[in-house]
PDB file of N, CA and C in Angstrom:
ATOM      1  N   MET A   1      37.660  17.298 -49.690  1.00  0.00           N
ATOM      2  CA  MET A   1      37.572  17.642 -48.285  1.00  0.00           C
ATOM      3  C   MET A   1      36.503  16.752 -47.639  1.00  0.00           C
ATOM      4  N   GLN A   2      36.833  16.217 -46.466  1.00  0.00           N
ATOM      5  CA  GLN A   2      35.895  15.367 -45.737  1.00  0.00           C
ATOM      6  C   GLN A   2      35.098  16.192 -44.748  1.00  0.00           C
ATOM      7  N   MET A   3      33.799  15.944 -44.707  1.00  0.00           N
ATOM      8  CA  MET A   3      32.945  16.645 -43.737  1.00  0.00           C
ATOM      9  C   MET A   3      32.744  15.764 -42.524  1.00  0.00           C
ATOM     10  N   LYS A   4      32.750  16.352 -41.365  1.00  0.00           N
ATOM     11  CA  LYS A   4      32.508  15.623 -40.117  1.00  0.00           C
ATOM     12  C   LYS A   4      31.018  15.622 -39.821  1.00  0.00           C
ATOM     13  N   THR A   5      30.530  14.473 -39.406  1.00  0.00           N
ATOM     14  CA  THR A   5      29.134  14.361 -39.014  1.00  0.00           C
ATOM     15  C   THR A   5      29.022  14.691 -37.537  1.00  0.00           C
ATOM     16  N   SER A   6      28.186  15.634 -37.206  1.00  0.00           N
ATOM     17  CA  SER A   6      28.008  15.974 -35.791  1.00  0.00           C
ATOM     18  C   SER A   6      26.911  15.101 -35.208  1.00  0.00           C
ATOM     19  N   GLN A   7      27.110  14.684 -33.996  1.00  0.00           N
ATOM     20  CA  GLN A   7      26.147  13.847 -33.303  1.00  0.00           C
ATOM     21  C   GLN A   7      25.624  14.590 -32.086  1.00  0.00           C
ATOM     22  N   VAL A   8      24.354  14.413 -31.844  1.00  0.00           N
ATOM     23  CA  VAL A   8      23.721  15.042 -30.693  1.00  0.00           C
ATOM     24  C   VAL A   8      23.474  13.954 -29.653  1.00  0.00           C
ATOM     25  N   ALA A   9      23.995  14.164 -28.466  1.00  0.00           N
ATOM     26  CA  ALA A   9      23.794  13.204 -27.374  1.00  0.00           C
ATOM     27  C   ALA A   9      22.567  13.606 -26.567  1.00  0.00           C
ATOM     28  N   THR A  10      21.726  12.638 -26.295  1.00  0.00           N
ATOM     29  CA  THR A  10      20.547  12.879 -25.469  1.00  0.00           C
ATOM     30  C   THR A  10      20.786  12.276 -24.099  1.00  0.00           C
ATOM     31  N   VAL A  11      20.627  13.094 -23.080  1.00  0.00           N
ATOM     32  CA  VAL A  11      20.809  12.634 -21.715  1.00  0.00           C
ATOM     33  C   VAL A  11      19.433  12.479 -21.087  1.00  0.00           C
ATOM     34  N   ILE A  12      19.147  11.273 -20.598  1.00  0.00           N
ATOM     35  CA  ILE A  12      17.875  11.018 -19.933  1.00  0.00           C
ATOM     36  C   ILE A  12      18.156  10.808 -18.451  1.00  0.00           C
ATOM     37  N   MET A  13      17.604  11.664 -17.644  1.00  0.00           N
ATOM     38  CA  MET A  13      17.820  11.592 -16.207  1.00  0.00           C
ATOM     39  C   MET A  13      16.743  10.722 -15.564  1.00  0.00           C
ATOM     40  N   THR A  14      17.164   9.802 -14.717  1.00  0.00           N
ATOM     41  CA  THR A  14      16.224   8.980 -13.969  1.00  0.00           C
ATOM     42  C   THR A  14      15.940   9.672 -12.639  1.00  0.00           C
ATOM     43  N   THR A  15      14.657   9.931 -12.384  1.00  0.00           N
ATOM     44  CA  THR A  15      14.246  10.592 -11.151  1.00  0.00           C
ATOM     45  C   THR A  15      14.032   9.586 -10.032  1.00  0.00           C
ATOM     46  N   LEU A  16      13.436   8.445 -10.380  1.00  0.00           N
ATOM     47  CA  LEU A  16      13.152   7.412  -9.394  1.00  0.00           C
ATOM     48  C   LEU A  16      13.409   6.047 -10.011  1.00  0.00           C
ATOM     49  N   SER A  17      14.153   5.214  -9.296  1.00  0.00           N
ATOM     50  CA  SER A  17      14.435   3.868  -9.780  1.00  0.00           C
ATOM     51  C   SER A  17      14.252   2.876  -8.637  1.00  0.00           C
ATOM     52  N   ILE A  18      13.397   1.877  -8.860  1.00  0.00           N
ATOM     53  CA  ILE A  18      13.152   0.812  -7.887  1.00  0.00           C
ATOM     54  C   ILE A  18      13.410  -0.507  -8.595  1.00  0.00           C
ATOM     55  N   ARG A  19      14.195  -1.368  -7.987  1.00  0.00           N
ATOM     56  CA  ARG A  19      14.505  -2.651  -8.624  1.00  0.00           C
ATOM     57  C   ARG A  19      14.340  -3.802  -7.648  1.00  0.00           C
ATOM     58  N   ASN A  20      13.587  -4.808  -8.084  1.00  0.00           N
ATOM     59  CA  ASN A  20      13.391  -6.056  -7.336  1.00  0.00           C
ATOM     60  C   ASN A  20      12.874  -5.841  -5.912  1.00  0.00           C
ATOM     61  N   LEU A  21      11.903  -4.978  -5.765  1.00  0.00           N
ATOM     62  CA  LEU A  21      11.302  -4.704  -4.458  1.00  0.00           C
ATOM     63  C   LEU A  21      10.315  -5.812  -4.099  1.00  0.00           C
ATOM     64  N   THR A  22      10.421  -6.336  -2.895  1.00  0.00           N
ATOM     65  CA  THR A  22       9.483  -7.331  -2.380  1.00  0.00           C
ATOM     66  C   THR A  22       8.933  -6.823  -1.059  1.00  0.00           C
ATOM     67  N   LYS A  23       7.605  -6.905  -0.890  1.00  0.00           N
ATOM     68  CA  LYS A  23       6.952  -6.480   0.344  1.00  0.00           C
ATOM     69  C   LYS A  23       6.091  -7.619   0.848  1.00  0.00           C
ATOM     70  N   ARG A  24       6.328  -7.982   2.104  1.00  0.00           N
ATOM     71  CA  ARG A  24       5.562  -9.069   2.730  1.00  0.00           C
ATOM     72  C   ARG A  24       4.897  -8.562   4.002  1.00  0.00           C
ATOM     73  N   TYR A  25       3.729  -9.107   4.270  1.00  0.00           N
ATOM     74  CA  TYR A  25       3.014  -8.873   5.523  1.00  0.00           C
ATOM     75  C   TYR A  25       2.862 -10.234   6.177  1.00  0.00           C
ATOM     76  N   GLY A  26       3.780 -10.572   7.063  1.00  0.00           N
ATOM     77  CA  GLY A  26       3.776 -11.905   7.662  1.00  0.00           C
ATOM     78  C   GLY A  26       4.075 -12.945   6.591  1.00  0.00           C
ATOM     79  N   ASN A  27       3.164 -13.892   6.400  1.00  0.00           N
ATOM     80  CA  ASN A  27       3.335 -14.927   5.386  1.00  0.00           C
ATOM     81  C   ASN A  27       2.783 -14.540   4.023  1.00  0.00           C
ATOM     82  N   VAL A  28       2.164 -13.363   3.936  1.00  0.00           N
ATOM     83  CA  VAL A  28       1.538 -12.922   2.685  1.00  0.00           C
ATOM     84  C   VAL A  28       2.505 -12.035   1.913  1.00  0.00           C
ATOM     85  N   THR A  29       2.783 -12.409   0.662  1.00  0.00           N
ATOM     86  CA  THR A  29       3.624 -11.593  -0.206  1.00  0.00           C
ATOM     87  C   THR A  29       2.725 -10.671  -1.021  1.00  0.00           C
ATOM     88  N   ALA A  30       2.800  -9.373  -0.740  1.00  0.00           N
ATOM     89  CA  ALA A  30       1.959  -8.393  -1.432  1.00  0.00           C
ATOM     90  C   ALA A  30       2.587  -7.953  -2.750  1.00  0.00           C
ATOM     91  N   LEU A  31       3.898  -7.944  -2.808  1.00  0.00           N
ATOM     92  CA  LEU A  31       4.632  -7.480  -3.982  1.00  0.00           C
ATOM     93  C   LEU A  31       5.906  -8.292  -4.080  1.00  0.00           C
ATOM     94  N   GLU A  32       6.220  -8.792  -5.268  1.00  0.00           N
ATOM     95  CA  GLU A  32       7.420  -9.613  -5.414  1.00  0.00           C
ATOM     96  C   GLU A  32       8.189  -9.212  -6.667  1.00  0.00           C
ATOM     97  N   LYS A  33       9.450  -8.852  -6.483  1.00  0.00           N
ATOM     98  CA  LYS A  33      10.378  -8.489  -7.571  1.00  0.00           C
ATOM     99  C   LYS A  33       9.818  -7.378  -8.454  1.00  0.00           C
ATOM    100  N   PHE A  34       9.297  -6.339  -7.831  1.00  0.00           N
ATOM    101  CA  PHE A  34       8.725  -5.189  -8.540  1.00  0.00           C
ATOM    102  C   PHE A  34       9.832  -4.227  -8.928  1.00  0.00           C
ATOM    103  N   SER A  35       9.834  -3.793 -10.178  1.00  0.00           N
ATOM    104  CA  SER A  35      10.801  -2.810 -10.656  1.00  0.00           C
ATOM    105  C   SER A  35      10.066  -1.673 -11.347  1.00  0.00           C
ATOM    106  N   LEU A  36      10.586  -0.457 -11.178  1.00  0.00           N
ATOM    107  CA  LEU A  36       9.965   0.730 -11.752  1.00  0.00           C
ATOM    108  C   LEU A  36      11.041   1.767 -11.993  1.00  0.00           C
ATOM    109  N   GLU A  37      10.968   2.446 -13.135  1.00  0.00           N
ATOM    110  CA  GLU A  37      11.882   3.551 -13.410  1.00  0.00           C
ATOM    111  C   GLU A  37      11.073   4.702 -13.979  1.00  0.00           C
ATOM    112  N   ILE A  38      11.162   5.847 -13.332  1.00  0.00           N
ATOM    113  CA  ILE A  38      10.483   7.051 -13.790  1.00  0.00           C
ATOM    114  C   ILE A  38      11.560   8.050 -14.188  1.00  0.00           C
ATOM    115  N   ARG A  39      11.469   8.519 -15.406  1.00  0.00           N
ATOM    116  CA  ARG A  39      12.472   9.457 -15.926  1.00  0.00           C
ATOM    117  C   ARG A  39      11.990  10.893 -15.757  1.00  0.00           C
ATOM    118  N   SER A  40      12.918  11.798 -15.768  1.00  0.00           N
ATOM    119  CA  SER A  40      12.624  13.213 -15.620  1.00  0.00           C
ATOM    120  C   SER A  40      11.619  13.651 -16.688  1.00  0.00           C
ATOM    121  N   GLY A  41      10.554  14.320 -16.265  1.00  0.00           N
ATOM    122  CA  GLY A  41       9.535  14.797 -17.187  1.00  0.00           C
ATOM    123  C   GLY A  41       8.376  13.842 -17.379  1.00  0.00           C
ATOM    124  N   GLU A  42       8.499  12.606 -16.893  1.00  0.00           N
ATOM    125  CA  GLU A  42       7.405  11.642 -17.009  1.00  0.00           C
ATOM    126  C   GLU A  42       6.431  11.803 -15.851  1.00  0.00           C
ATOM    127  N   PHE A  43       5.211  11.399 -16.073  1.00  0.00           N
ATOM    128  CA  PHE A  43       4.165  11.463 -15.056  1.00  0.00           C
ATOM    129  C   PHE A  43       3.651  10.041 -14.857  1.00  0.00           C
ATOM    130  N   MET A  44       3.617   9.583 -13.620  1.00  0.00           N
ATOM    131  CA  MET A  44       3.234   8.202 -13.330  1.00  0.00           C
ATOM    132  C   MET A  44       2.175   8.181 -12.243  1.00  0.00           C
ATOM    133  N   VAL A  45       1.173   7.330 -12.412  1.00  0.00           N
ATOM    134  CA  VAL A  45       0.123   7.157 -11.405  1.00  0.00           C
ATOM    135  C   VAL A  45       0.012   5.672 -11.092  1.00  0.00           C
ATOM    136  N   LEU A  46       0.051   5.337  -9.824  1.00  0.00           N
ATOM    137  CA  LEU A  46      -0.169   3.963  -9.372  1.00  0.00           C
ATOM    138  C   LEU A  46      -1.503   3.925  -8.638  1.00  0.00           C
ATOM    139  N   LEU A  47      -2.388   3.047  -9.073  1.00  0.00           N
ATOM    140  CA  LEU A  47      -3.705   2.949  -8.449  1.00  0.00           C
ATOM    141  C   LEU A  47      -3.842   1.612  -7.746  1.00  0.00           C
ATOM    142  N   GLY A  48      -4.502   1.625  -6.631  1.00  0.00           N
ATOM    143  CA  GLY A  48      -4.747   0.408  -5.892  1.00  0.00           C
ATOM    144  C   GLY A  48      -5.552   0.711  -4.647  1.00  0.00           C
ATOM    145  N   PRO A  49      -5.948  -0.325  -3.935  1.00  0.00           N
ATOM    146  CA  PRO A  49      -6.708  -0.099  -2.703  1.00  0.00           C
ATOM    147  C   PRO A  49      -5.872   0.637  -1.662  1.00  0.00           C
ATOM    148  N   SER A  50      -6.515   1.484  -0.909  1.00  0.00           N
ATOM    149  CA  SER A  50      -5.786   2.231   0.123  1.00  0.00           C
ATOM    150  C   SER A  50      -6.080   1.696   1.503  1.00  0.00           C
TER     151      SER A  50
END
């Protein structure tokens, strides 16, 4: 008799996804091709000047 192997699927939900974001202030590029993905249950902190 053959036994079947059961597989458990893990689903990871993306809460926030940013891809290739560029931010300019006139001729000044503050951010270029920024990508970020935060998944459900993760905690993320971005620090910088305000």
